[in-house]
């Protein structure tokens, strides 16, 4: 009992000193070795943790705690076949242990044997010992039911888990998630991060990242190399990412994405690619994974990648932008007189006064006749006056004479969209979308024209994706309001479509029965 008190306080050296004394007095007392195994795990020494568990089994071959620990530790280390051998021994154990059922369910859950968990449940029910199960075991039973498509039983067992411990985060997260649409449901959340990574491992990682961060300013590659080297020395981290993406709780998944992005570790990027292209997790988490992959060059910017979204395969354009504020890199330093004219023209445009805006812009153009920004704004002023023919001639001129002028190309794209010439529009858009570094105003204009393009192309999901990216990248942009009503309608229609789809699925299930 004192060993466990020290363990709970994090006094691991005190634990070990006391354990050594106990071993001298009672060399075959298995709880001592089981506690030492846990201490070694908490200290980040997985190999030593396994050794202590094996020592326990030398003394007592069907010790349920040692068998459960070995199953978990070996699985964390990536030795799945070995882990399964000990899991089978545990399932077969008839040891007289108060936590026999709990340890069997725990181990089988760790190796993701749902059928095995449900088989143990039948034994528990037959023995009429359901009252011996704790909140964690009930949670893992719920997971097994959920994975087998029995949502009703899953809800029931997560509810039972919460009756024992109302603050158990895993059961609460899953129970609440059941009320969400399937595409937004992160379920089942099986494990938390601390079940996979010890405190010591996390602490050592934080230290390594801290040291690497001091070199990051000099070279991103140097930073990544330090982190990758650390991950290679701690294979349980690679293993954690693999498992967390599929079965971790929300925080574990977020950490797995962060580790992958921070390190750019090739093995982690491979795992991330499989996750992004798969069907587990939420739509938003798979999109985030695809963005990280684009950042690291696994996907190419502006490449269309087929992802599982809204319950079906859909193509999504990959994006990777660095957004900056301040002056635009290609700004021409106007003198104070011209700047005043530009400011007045912008005020007039904001007030929808095309005549006044045109007057100020033409004055500014006498000093800078070939400035594409002034010409582009003049086209806008002409549109406000319903002088469309003049405006469109000017737009074509800007697109031809200034092929690298961002706003001119997007204005030409919008003109093509309005004319229903989508192939022509995408040519202008792709060229500008290929830029990796965008001023915040360029980012705003690109998002706006992409939304218009996808709406015209009858691909509302694409419009929604760009709007959500716009919200994240430039949340204070007042131009978001111009599209809010259309986006709200797209979201409403999406919900209706999901409801119709869910009803069809229910009818199919009923027909099968």
Protein backbone atom coordinates (compact mmCIF):
# COMPACT_ATOMS: atom_id res chain seq x y z
CA UNK A 1 0.00 0.00 0.00
CA UNK A 2 2.84 2.39 0.81
CA UNK A 3 4.41 1.60 -2.57
CA UNK A 4 1.23 2.71 -4.29
CA UNK A 5 1.11 5.90 -2.22
CA UNK A 6 4.66 6.81 -3.32
CA UNK A 7 3.74 5.94 -6.90
CA UNK A 8 0.72 8.23 -6.81
CA UNK A 9 2.90 11.07 -5.49
CA UNK A 10 5.45 10.53 -8.26
CA UNK A 11 8.14 9.55 -5.74
CA UNK A 12 9.52 6.79 -7.93
CA UNK A 13 12.93 6.51 -6.27
CA UNK A 14 11.26 6.07 -2.89
CA UNK A 15 9.13 3.34 -4.49
CA UNK A 16 12.20 1.51 -5.71
CA UNK A 17 14.02 1.75 -2.37
CA UNK A 18 11.01 0.39 -0.53
CA UNK A 19 10.53 -2.36 -3.15
CA UNK A 20 14.13 -3.53 -2.76
CA UNK A 21 13.57 -3.87 0.99
CA UNK A 22 10.37 -5.85 0.40
CA UNK A 23 12.06 -8.18 -2.11
CA UNK A 24 14.80 -8.97 0.43
CA UNK A 25 12.19 -9.84 3.03
CA UNK A 26 9.68 -11.56 0.67
CA UNK A 27 11.44 -12.43 -2.63
CA UNK A 28 8.36 -14.14 -4.11
CA UNK A 29 5.79 -11.47 -3.24
CA UNK A 30 4.40 -10.74 -6.73
CA UNK A 31 2.65 -7.39 -5.97
CA UNK A 32 6.11 -5.87 -5.42
CA UNK A 33 7.25 -6.79 -8.93
CA UNK A 34 3.95 -5.64 -10.43
CA UNK A 35 4.36 -2.26 -8.73
CA UNK A 36 7.98 -2.03 -9.90
CA UNK A 37 6.76 -2.75 -13.42
CA UNK A 38 4.35 0.19 -13.19
CA UNK A 39 7.07 2.46 -11.76
CA UNK A 40 9.43 1.56 -14.62
CA UNK A 41 6.65 2.35 -17.11
CA UNK A 42 5.99 5.72 -15.46
CA UNK A 43 9.72 6.48 -15.61
CA UNK A 44 9.69 5.80 -19.35
CA UNK A 45 11.71 2.57 -19.18
CA UNK A 46 9.49 0.19 -21.15
CA UNK A 47 12.13 -2.56 -21.31
CA UNK A 48 12.57 -2.63 -17.53
CA UNK A 49 8.77 -2.61 -17.08
CA UNK A 50 8.55 -5.73 -19.25
CA UNK A 51 11.39 -7.43 -17.33
CA UNK A 52 9.63 -6.94 -13.98
CA UNK A 53 6.37 -8.34 -15.40
CA UNK A 54 8.22 -11.40 -16.72
CA UNK A 55 9.82 -11.84 -13.27
CA UNK A 56 6.31 -11.88 -11.76
CA UNK A 57 5.27 -14.66 -14.17
CA UNK A 58 8.31 -16.72 -13.19
CA UNK A 59 6.90 -16.72 -9.67
CA UNK A 60 3.20 -16.98 -10.58
CA UNK A 61 2.55 -17.98 -14.19
CA UNK A 62 -1.09 -16.87 -14.34
CA UNK A 63 -0.76 -13.59 -12.43
CA UNK A 64 -3.47 -11.48 -14.06
CA UNK A 65 -1.82 -8.11 -13.39
CA UNK A 66 1.47 -9.19 -14.96
CA UNK A 67 -0.27 -10.77 -17.96
CA UNK A 68 -2.34 -7.61 -18.50
CA UNK A 69 0.71 -5.35 -18.12
CA UNK A 70 2.77 -7.45 -20.53
CA UNK A 71 -0.01 -7.42 -23.12
CA UNK A 72 -0.15 -3.63 -22.92
CA UNK A 73 3.62 -2.97 -22.78
CA UNK A 74 4.44 -5.31 -25.67
CA UNK A 75 1.64 -3.84 -27.77
CA UNK A 76 2.95 -0.33 -27.08
CA UNK A 77 6.42 -1.47 -28.16
CA UNK A 78 4.94 -2.75 -31.42
CA UNK A 79 5.34 -6.47 -30.68
CA UNK A 80 1.75 -7.36 -31.49
CA UNK A 81 2.17 -11.12 -31.90
CA UNK A 82 3.91 -11.42 -28.52
CA UNK A 83 1.24 -9.22 -26.94
CA UNK A 84 -1.51 -11.47 -28.29
CA UNK A 85 0.16 -14.56 -26.80
CA UNK A 86 0.01 -13.02 -23.31
CA UNK A 87 -3.55 -11.80 -23.95
CA UNK A 88 -4.58 -15.40 -24.74
CA UNK A 89 -2.90 -16.63 -21.55
CA UNK A 90 -4.78 -13.98 -19.59
CA UNK A 91 -8.13 -14.92 -21.13
CA UNK A 92 -7.51 -18.57 -20.22
CA UNK A 93 -6.48 -17.70 -16.65
CA UNK A 94 -8.66 -19.04 -13.84
CA UNK A 95 -6.67 -17.21 -11.17
CA UNK A 96 -8.49 -16.20 -8.03
CA UNK A 97 -8.08 -12.44 -8.45
CA UNK A 98 -10.54 -9.69 -7.57
CA UNK A 99 -9.82 -7.82 -10.82
CA UNK A 100 -9.78 -10.88 -13.10
CA UNK A 101 -12.61 -9.70 -15.37
CA UNK A 102 -11.39 -6.10 -15.46
CA UNK A 103 -7.84 -7.08 -16.41
CA UNK A 104 -9.06 -9.41 -19.17
CA UNK A 105 -11.28 -6.70 -20.67
CA UNK A 106 -8.51 -4.08 -20.32
CA UNK A 107 -5.92 -6.21 -22.13
CA UNK A 108 -8.26 -7.26 -24.94
CA UNK A 109 -9.31 -3.64 -25.43
CA UNK A 110 -5.69 -2.60 -25.74
CA UNK A 111 -5.02 -5.11 -28.52
CA UNK A 112 -8.37 -4.03 -30.09
CA UNK A 113 -10.05 -7.44 -29.79
CA UNK A 114 -13.70 -6.35 -29.62
CA UNK A 115 -15.05 -9.87 -30.09
CA UNK A 116 -12.89 -11.04 -27.21
CA UNK A 117 -14.24 -8.26 -24.97
CA UNK A 118 -17.85 -9.21 -25.74
CA UNK A 119 -17.04 -12.89 -25.12
CA UNK A 120 -15.70 -11.98 -21.66
CA UNK A 121 -18.88 -9.97 -21.03
CA UNK A 122 -20.94 -13.12 -21.67
CA UNK A 123 -18.82 -14.99 -19.11
CA UNK A 124 -19.30 -12.16 -16.61
CA UNK A 125 -23.07 -12.22 -17.14
CA UNK A 126 -23.14 -16.00 -16.82
CA UNK A 127 -21.24 -15.76 -13.54
CA UNK A 128 -23.59 -12.94 -12.45
CA UNK A 129 -20.60 -10.77 -11.58
CA UNK A 130 -21.36 -7.65 -13.63
CA UNK A 131 -21.15 -5.68 -10.36
CA UNK A 132 -17.40 -6.47 -10.24
CA UNK A 133 -16.71 -4.35 -13.33
CA UNK A 134 -15.44 -0.80 -12.85
CA UNK A 135 -16.19 2.32 -14.93
CA UNK A 136 -13.23 1.70 -17.29
CA UNK A 137 -14.25 -1.89 -18.08
CA UNK A 138 -17.82 -0.74 -18.81
CA UNK A 139 -16.39 1.92 -21.16
CA UNK A 140 -14.37 -0.69 -23.09
CA UNK A 141 -17.43 -2.92 -23.38
CA UNK A 142 -19.30 0.07 -24.84
CA UNK A 143 -16.47 0.56 -27.36
CA UNK A 144 -16.74 -3.09 -28.44
CA UNK A 145 -20.50 -2.73 -28.96
CA UNK A 146 -20.01 0.50 -30.93
CA UNK A 147 -17.40 -1.09 -33.20
CA UNK A 148 -19.87 -3.90 -33.87
CA UNK A 149 -22.57 -1.41 -34.88
CA UNK A 150 -24.69 -1.87 -31.76
CA UNK A 151 -25.13 1.82 -30.87
CA UNK A 152 -27.96 1.17 -28.42
CA UNK A 153 -25.85 -1.17 -26.25
CA UNK A 154 -22.86 1.17 -26.54
CA UNK A 155 -24.95 4.06 -25.23
CA UNK A 156 -26.23 1.84 -22.42
CA UNK A 157 -22.75 0.83 -21.23
CA UNK A 158 -21.29 4.34 -21.48
CA UNK A 159 -24.25 5.42 -19.38
CA UNK A 160 -23.46 2.69 -16.81
CA UNK A 161 -19.82 3.81 -16.74
CA UNK A 162 -20.91 7.39 -16.00
CA UNK A 163 -23.20 6.19 -13.22
CA UNK A 164 -20.10 4.88 -11.43
CA UNK A 165 -17.89 7.87 -12.30
CA UNK A 166 -19.76 10.90 -13.74
CA UNK A 167 -16.41 12.62 -14.44
CA UNK A 168 -14.84 9.83 -16.50
CA UNK A 169 -13.83 11.81 -19.60
CA UNK A 170 -13.76 8.95 -22.13
CA UNK A 171 -17.26 7.72 -21.34
CA UNK A 172 -18.61 11.29 -21.27
CA UNK A 173 -17.02 12.20 -24.62
CA UNK A 174 -18.39 9.10 -26.34
CA UNK A 175 -21.84 9.34 -24.74
CA UNK A 176 -22.18 12.97 -25.89
CA UNK A 177 -20.78 12.19 -29.36
CA UNK A 178 -23.61 9.74 -30.06
CA UNK A 179 -26.00 12.70 -30.41
CA UNK A 180 -23.89 14.28 -33.17
CA UNK A 181 -24.20 13.63 -36.94
CA UNK A 182 -22.01 10.71 -37.97
CA UNK A 183 -19.63 12.94 -39.98
CA UNK A 184 -18.94 15.09 -36.89
CA UNK A 185 -18.85 12.19 -34.43
CA UNK A 186 -15.40 11.39 -33.07
CA UNK A 187 -16.32 7.96 -31.80
CA UNK A 188 -15.21 5.67 -30.34
CA UNK A 189 -12.57 7.47 -28.28
CA UNK A 190 -10.91 4.46 -26.67
CA UNK A 191 -7.76 5.69 -24.91
CA UNK A 192 -6.22 8.83 -23.48
CA UNK A 193 -2.65 9.84 -24.19
CA UNK A 194 -1.34 8.85 -20.74
CA UNK A 195 -2.32 5.22 -21.41
CA UNK A 196 0.26 5.17 -24.21
CA UNK A 197 2.98 7.60 -23.20
CA UNK A 198 4.46 7.77 -19.71
CA UNK A 199 4.94 11.08 -17.91
CA UNK A 200 8.71 10.67 -18.20
CA UNK A 201 8.52 10.17 -21.97
CA UNK A 202 6.40 13.31 -22.35
CA UNK A 203 8.78 15.24 -20.07
CA UNK A 204 11.84 14.09 -22.03
CA UNK A 205 10.12 15.01 -25.29
CA UNK A 206 9.33 18.50 -23.98
CA UNK A 207 12.99 18.92 -23.02
CA UNK A 208 14.22 17.74 -26.43
CA UNK A 209 11.79 20.04 -28.25
CA UNK A 210 12.82 22.95 -26.03
CA UNK A 211 16.48 22.45 -26.93
CA UNK A 212 15.64 22.00 -30.59
CA UNK A 213 13.52 25.18 -30.57
CA UNK A 214 16.64 27.25 -29.86
CA UNK A 215 18.04 25.99 -33.17
CA UNK A 216 14.80 26.44 -35.08
CA UNK A 217 15.49 30.12 -35.75
CA UNK A 218 18.69 29.10 -37.48
CA UNK A 219 17.28 26.23 -39.51
CA UNK A 220 13.93 24.41 -39.54
CA UNK A 221 15.64 21.26 -40.81
CA UNK A 222 17.98 21.19 -37.81
CA UNK A 223 14.98 21.47 -35.49
CA UNK A 224 13.17 18.64 -37.25
CA UNK A 225 16.26 16.41 -37.22
CA UNK A 226 16.56 16.73 -33.43
CA UNK A 227 12.88 15.81 -32.98
CA UNK A 228 13.06 12.94 -35.50
CA UNK A 229 16.14 11.53 -33.76
CA UNK A 230 14.30 11.62 -30.43
CA UNK A 231 11.28 9.86 -31.92
CA UNK A 232 13.53 7.17 -33.41
CA UNK A 233 14.97 6.47 -29.95
CA UNK A 234 11.48 6.24 -28.46
CA UNK A 235 9.50 3.93 -30.78
CA UNK A 236 6.52 4.09 -28.41
CA UNK A 237 5.91 7.63 -29.73
CA UNK A 238 5.58 6.36 -33.30
CA UNK A 239 3.30 3.64 -32.00
CA UNK A 240 1.26 6.19 -30.05
CA UNK A 241 0.60 8.26 -33.20
CA UNK A 242 -0.49 5.14 -35.06
CA UNK A 243 -3.01 4.18 -32.38
CA UNK A 244 -4.12 7.70 -31.39
CA UNK A 245 -5.22 8.61 -34.90
CA UNK A 246 -7.66 5.71 -34.90
CA UNK A 247 -8.58 5.20 -31.26
CA UNK A 248 -7.34 8.12 -29.19
CA UNK A 249 -9.52 10.72 -27.53
CA UNK A 250 -9.67 14.24 -28.98
CA UNK A 251 -6.54 15.43 -27.14
CA UNK A 252 -4.59 12.32 -28.16
CA UNK A 253 -5.54 12.85 -31.82
CA UNK A 254 -4.57 16.53 -31.64
CA UNK A 255 -1.21 15.53 -30.14
CA UNK A 256 -0.67 12.91 -32.86
CA UNK A 257 -1.31 15.53 -35.55
CA UNK A 258 1.04 17.95 -33.76
CA UNK A 259 3.84 15.37 -33.48
CA UNK A 260 3.50 14.58 -37.20
CA UNK A 261 3.56 18.24 -38.22
CA UNK A 262 6.32 19.27 -35.83
CA UNK A 263 8.71 16.50 -36.84
CA UNK A 264 7.82 15.73 -40.45
CA UNK A 265 8.97 12.19 -39.53
CA UNK A 266 8.54 10.03 -42.69
CA UNK A 267 6.90 7.20 -40.75
CA UNK A 268 4.46 9.57 -39.08
CA UNK A 269 3.60 11.21 -42.40
CA UNK A 270 2.85 7.74 -43.82
CA UNK A 271 0.52 7.08 -40.88
CA UNK A 272 -1.07 10.49 -41.37
CA UNK A 273 -1.64 9.83 -45.07
CA UNK A 274 -3.43 6.56 -44.31
CA UNK A 275 -5.58 8.39 -41.76
CA UNK A 276 -6.38 11.30 -44.12
CA UNK A 277 -7.43 8.95 -46.92
CA UNK A 278 -9.37 6.64 -44.61
CA UNK A 279 -12.77 6.91 -42.95
CA UNK A 280 -11.98 7.01 -39.21
CA UNK A 281 -12.14 10.27 -37.26
CA UNK A 282 -14.15 13.35 -38.14
CA UNK A 283 -14.21 15.14 -41.49
CA UNK A 284 -12.40 18.11 -39.93
CA UNK A 285 -9.58 15.96 -38.49
CA UNK A 286 -8.97 14.27 -41.87
CA UNK A 287 -8.94 17.67 -43.59
CA UNK A 288 -6.42 18.94 -41.01
CA UNK A 289 -4.27 15.86 -41.65
CA UNK A 290 -4.39 16.52 -45.41
CA UNK A 291 -3.28 20.13 -44.82
CA UNK A 292 -0.28 18.93 -42.78
CA UNK A 293 0.59 16.48 -45.57
CA UNK A 294 0.42 19.30 -48.12
CA UNK A 295 2.68 21.44 -45.94
CA UNK A 296 5.27 18.64 -45.88
CA UNK A 297 5.03 17.92 -49.62
CA UNK A 298 3.24 14.56 -49.44
CA UNK A 299 0.34 16.18 -51.29
CA UNK A 300 0.95 18.98 -53.77
CA UNK A 301 -0.66 22.40 -53.35
CA UNK A 302 -3.68 22.71 -55.69
CA UNK A 303 -3.74 18.93 -56.16
CA UNK A 304 -7.21 17.40 -55.97
CA UNK A 305 -7.21 14.58 -53.40
CA UNK A 306 -10.15 12.25 -52.82
CA UNK A 307 -11.16 12.30 -49.15
CA UNK A 308 -14.04 10.73 -47.23
CA UNK A 309 -16.32 13.71 -46.51
CA UNK A 310 -19.98 13.86 -45.52
CA UNK A 311 -20.19 10.07 -45.80
CA UNK A 312 -18.87 9.75 -49.36
CA UNK A 313 -15.70 10.11 -51.45
CA UNK A 314 -15.17 13.70 -52.61
CA UNK A 315 -12.31 15.54 -54.25
CA UNK A 316 -10.79 18.37 -52.23
CA UNK A 317 -8.14 20.79 -53.45
CA UNK A 318 -5.08 20.84 -51.20
CA UNK A 319 -3.99 24.22 -49.88
CA UNK A 320 -0.83 25.44 -48.17
CA UNK A 321 -0.54 29.18 -47.59
CA UNK A 322 1.62 31.41 -45.47
CA UNK A 323 -0.49 34.49 -44.72
CA UNK A 324 1.21 37.77 -43.80
CA UNK A 325 -0.01 41.20 -42.74
CA UNK A 326 1.54 44.66 -43.21
CA UNK A 327 2.56 46.12 -46.56
CA UNK A 328 2.25 44.02 -49.68
CA UNK A 329 5.63 42.94 -51.01
CA UNK A 330 5.08 44.52 -54.44
CA UNK A 331 3.60 47.80 -53.19
CA UNK A 332 4.72 50.91 -55.06
CA UNK A 333 5.70 53.74 -52.66
CA UNK A 334 3.21 56.46 -53.68
CA UNK A 335 3.86 60.04 -52.62
CA UNK A 336 1.57 61.65 -50.04
CA UNK A 337 -0.58 63.43 -52.64
CA UNK A 338 -1.32 60.19 -54.55
CA UNK A 339 -1.91 58.32 -51.30
CA UNK A 340 -4.59 60.85 -50.34
CA UNK A 341 -6.28 60.33 -53.71
CA UNK A 342 -6.17 56.53 -53.25
CA UNK A 343 -7.59 56.76 -49.72
CA UNK A 344 -10.46 58.97 -50.94
CA UNK A 345 -11.15 56.59 -53.83
CA UNK A 346 -11.27 53.63 -51.42
CA UNK A 347 -13.70 55.49 -49.15
CA UNK A 348 -15.89 56.22 -52.19
CA UNK A 349 -15.79 52.57 -53.28
CA UNK A 350 -16.77 51.50 -49.77
CA UNK A 351 -19.73 53.91 -49.96
CA UNK A 352 -20.69 52.51 -53.40
CA UNK A 353 -20.02 55.92 -54.99
CA UNK A 354 -18.53 54.88 -58.33
CA UNK A 355 -18.50 58.40 -59.80
CA UNK A 356 -16.47 59.90 -56.95
CA UNK A 357 -14.13 56.87 -56.86
CA UNK A 358 -13.49 57.17 -60.61
CA UNK A 359 -12.63 60.87 -60.25
CA UNK A 360 -9.95 60.24 -57.62
CA UNK A 361 -8.56 57.17 -59.39
CA UNK A 362 -8.16 58.96 -62.73
CA UNK A 363 -6.25 61.73 -60.96
CA UNK A 364 -3.94 59.13 -59.38
CA UNK A 365 -3.48 57.41 -62.76
CA UNK A 366 -2.05 60.60 -64.27
CA UNK A 367 0.96 60.01 -62.00
CA UNK A 368 1.00 56.19 -62.29
CA UNK A 369 -0.75 55.29 -65.58
CA UNK A 370 0.35 51.63 -65.57
CA UNK A 371 -0.34 50.75 -61.95
CA UNK A 372 -2.50 47.58 -62.00
CA UNK A 373 -4.03 48.24 -58.56
CA UNK A 374 -5.33 51.65 -59.64
CA UNK A 375 -6.61 50.20 -62.92
CA UNK A 376 -8.31 47.30 -61.12
CA UNK A 377 -10.04 49.66 -58.69
CA UNK A 378 -11.10 51.84 -61.63
CA UNK A 379 -12.77 48.79 -63.19
CA UNK A 380 -14.68 48.36 -59.93
CA UNK A 381 -15.77 52.01 -60.01
CA UNK A 382 -17.01 51.59 -63.59
CA UNK A 383 -19.02 48.49 -62.61
CA UNK A 384 -20.71 50.54 -59.89
CA UNK A 385 -21.88 52.95 -62.56
CA UNK A 386 -23.23 50.11 -64.72
CA UNK A 387 -20.56 50.84 -67.34
CA UNK A 388 -19.92 47.12 -67.72
CA UNK A 389 -18.50 47.17 -71.23
CA UNK A 390 -15.77 49.69 -70.29
CA UNK A 391 -15.04 47.78 -67.07
CA UNK A 392 -14.67 44.44 -68.87
CA UNK A 393 -12.34 45.91 -71.49
CA UNK A 394 -10.20 47.22 -68.65
CA UNK A 395 -10.28 43.86 -66.82
CA UNK A 396 -9.10 42.05 -69.96
CA UNK A 397 -6.32 44.58 -70.41
CA UNK A 398 -5.12 44.14 -66.82
CA UNK A 399 -5.19 40.32 -67.09
CA UNK A 400 -3.15 40.41 -70.33
CA UNK A 401 -0.70 43.20 -69.46
CA UNK A 402 -0.11 42.20 -65.82
CA UNK A 403 -0.19 38.37 -65.67
CA UNK A 404 1.39 38.35 -62.19
CA UNK A 405 -0.96 40.92 -60.68
CA UNK A 406 -2.95 38.88 -58.19
CA UNK A 407 -6.14 40.92 -57.97
CA UNK A 408 -6.30 41.47 -61.73
CA UNK A 409 -6.18 37.74 -62.41
CA UNK A 410 -8.90 37.09 -59.82
CA UNK A 411 -11.05 39.87 -61.24
CA UNK A 412 -10.73 38.20 -64.64
CA UNK A 413 -11.66 34.89 -63.01
CA UNK A 414 -14.77 36.43 -61.47
CA UNK A 415 -15.74 37.89 -64.84
CA UNK A 416 -15.46 34.38 -66.36
CA UNK A 417 -17.50 32.87 -63.50
CA UNK A 418 -20.28 35.40 -64.04
CA UNK A 419 -20.27 34.49 -67.74
CA UNK A 420 -20.49 30.77 -66.90
CA UNK A 421 -17.02 30.17 -68.42
CA UNK A 422 -15.74 27.93 -65.60
CA UNK A 423 -12.84 26.36 -67.53
CA UNK A 424 -11.51 29.83 -68.28
CA UNK A 425 -12.06 30.91 -64.67
CA UNK A 426 -10.16 27.97 -63.20
CA UNK A 427 -7.17 28.84 -65.38
CA UNK A 428 -6.89 32.26 -63.72
CA UNK A 429 -7.60 30.85 -60.25
CA UNK A 430 -5.08 27.99 -60.36
CA UNK A 431 -2.25 30.30 -61.31
CA UNK A 432 -2.85 32.58 -58.32
CA UNK A 433 -3.71 29.70 -55.96
CA UNK A 434 -0.26 28.20 -56.59
CA UNK A 435 1.38 31.02 -54.61
CA UNK A 436 2.57 29.83 -51.21
CA UNK A 437 2.83 33.24 -49.56
CA UNK A 438 -0.21 35.52 -49.62
CA UNK A 439 -0.90 38.95 -48.20
CA UNK A 440 -4.03 38.81 -46.06
CA UNK A 441 -5.95 40.83 -48.68
CA UNK A 442 -4.85 38.38 -51.41
CA UNK A 443 -5.95 35.48 -49.23
CA UNK A 444 -9.33 37.15 -48.72
CA UNK A 445 -9.82 37.74 -52.46
CA UNK A 446 -8.78 34.17 -53.33
CA UNK A 447 -11.21 32.65 -50.80
CA UNK A 448 -14.03 34.84 -52.09
CA UNK A 449 -13.51 33.92 -55.74
CA UNK A 450 -13.12 30.22 -54.88
CA UNK A 451 -16.46 30.29 -53.04
CA UNK A 452 -18.13 31.91 -56.06
CA UNK A 453 -16.54 29.35 -58.37
CA UNK A 454 -17.68 26.31 -56.37
CA UNK A 455 -21.21 27.68 -55.98
CA UNK A 456 -21.43 28.26 -59.74
CA UNK A 457 -19.97 24.77 -60.33
CA UNK A 458 -22.67 23.27 -58.07
CA UNK A 459 -20.11 21.99 -55.53
CA UNK A 460 -21.31 23.52 -52.26
CA UNK A 461 -18.91 21.44 -50.13
CA UNK A 462 -15.98 23.13 -51.86
CA UNK A 463 -17.46 26.57 -51.15
CA UNK A 464 -17.95 25.62 -47.49
CA UNK A 465 -14.34 24.39 -47.18
CA UNK A 466 -12.97 27.68 -48.54
CA UNK A 467 -15.26 29.72 -46.30
CA UNK A 468 -14.15 27.81 -43.21
CA UNK A 469 -10.51 28.24 -44.19
CA UNK A 470 -11.16 31.97 -44.68
CA UNK A 471 -12.72 32.16 -41.19
CA UNK A 472 -9.64 30.51 -39.67
CA UNK A 473 -7.06 32.48 -41.67
CA UNK A 474 -8.63 35.96 -41.48
CA UNK A 475 -11.53 35.85 -38.97
CA UNK A 476 -11.81 39.64 -38.68
CA UNK A 477 -12.34 40.17 -42.44
CA UNK A 478 -15.63 42.10 -42.89
CA UNK A 479 -16.00 40.59 -46.37
CA UNK A 480 -16.91 37.27 -44.74
CA UNK A 481 -20.35 38.76 -44.11
CA UNK A 482 -20.91 39.08 -47.87
CA UNK A 483 -20.99 35.28 -48.13
CA UNK A 484 -22.46 34.36 -44.74
CA UNK A 485 -26.04 34.00 -45.99
CA UNK A 486 -25.05 31.70 -48.87
CA UNK A 487 -22.88 29.59 -46.57
CA UNK A 488 -25.67 29.30 -43.99
CA UNK A 489 -27.95 28.00 -46.73
CA UNK A 490 -25.30 25.45 -47.81
CA UNK A 491 -25.01 24.25 -44.20
CA UNK A 492 -28.79 23.92 -43.86
CA UNK A 493 -29.00 21.95 -47.11
CA UNK A 494 -26.13 19.75 -45.92
CA UNK A 495 -27.99 18.93 -42.69
CA UNK A 496 -31.14 18.07 -44.66
CA UNK A 497 -29.09 15.82 -46.94
CA UNK A 498 -27.54 14.07 -43.92
CA UNK A 499 -30.96 13.51 -42.35
CA UNK A 500 -32.27 12.01 -45.59
CA UNK A 501 -29.17 9.80 -45.80
CA UNK A 502 -29.55 8.65 -42.18
CA UNK A 503 -33.21 7.76 -42.79
CA UNK A 504 -32.26 5.71 -45.86
CA UNK A 505 -29.64 3.84 -43.81
CA UNK A 506 -32.18 3.07 -41.08
CA UNK A 507 -34.68 1.76 -43.65
CA UNK A 508 -32.00 -0.50 -45.17
CA UNK A 509 -31.16 -1.90 -41.72
CA UNK A 510 -34.86 -2.56 -41.03
CA UNK A 511 -35.26 -4.32 -44.38
CA UNK A 512 -32.24 -6.53 -43.63
CA UNK A 513 -33.81 -7.56 -40.34
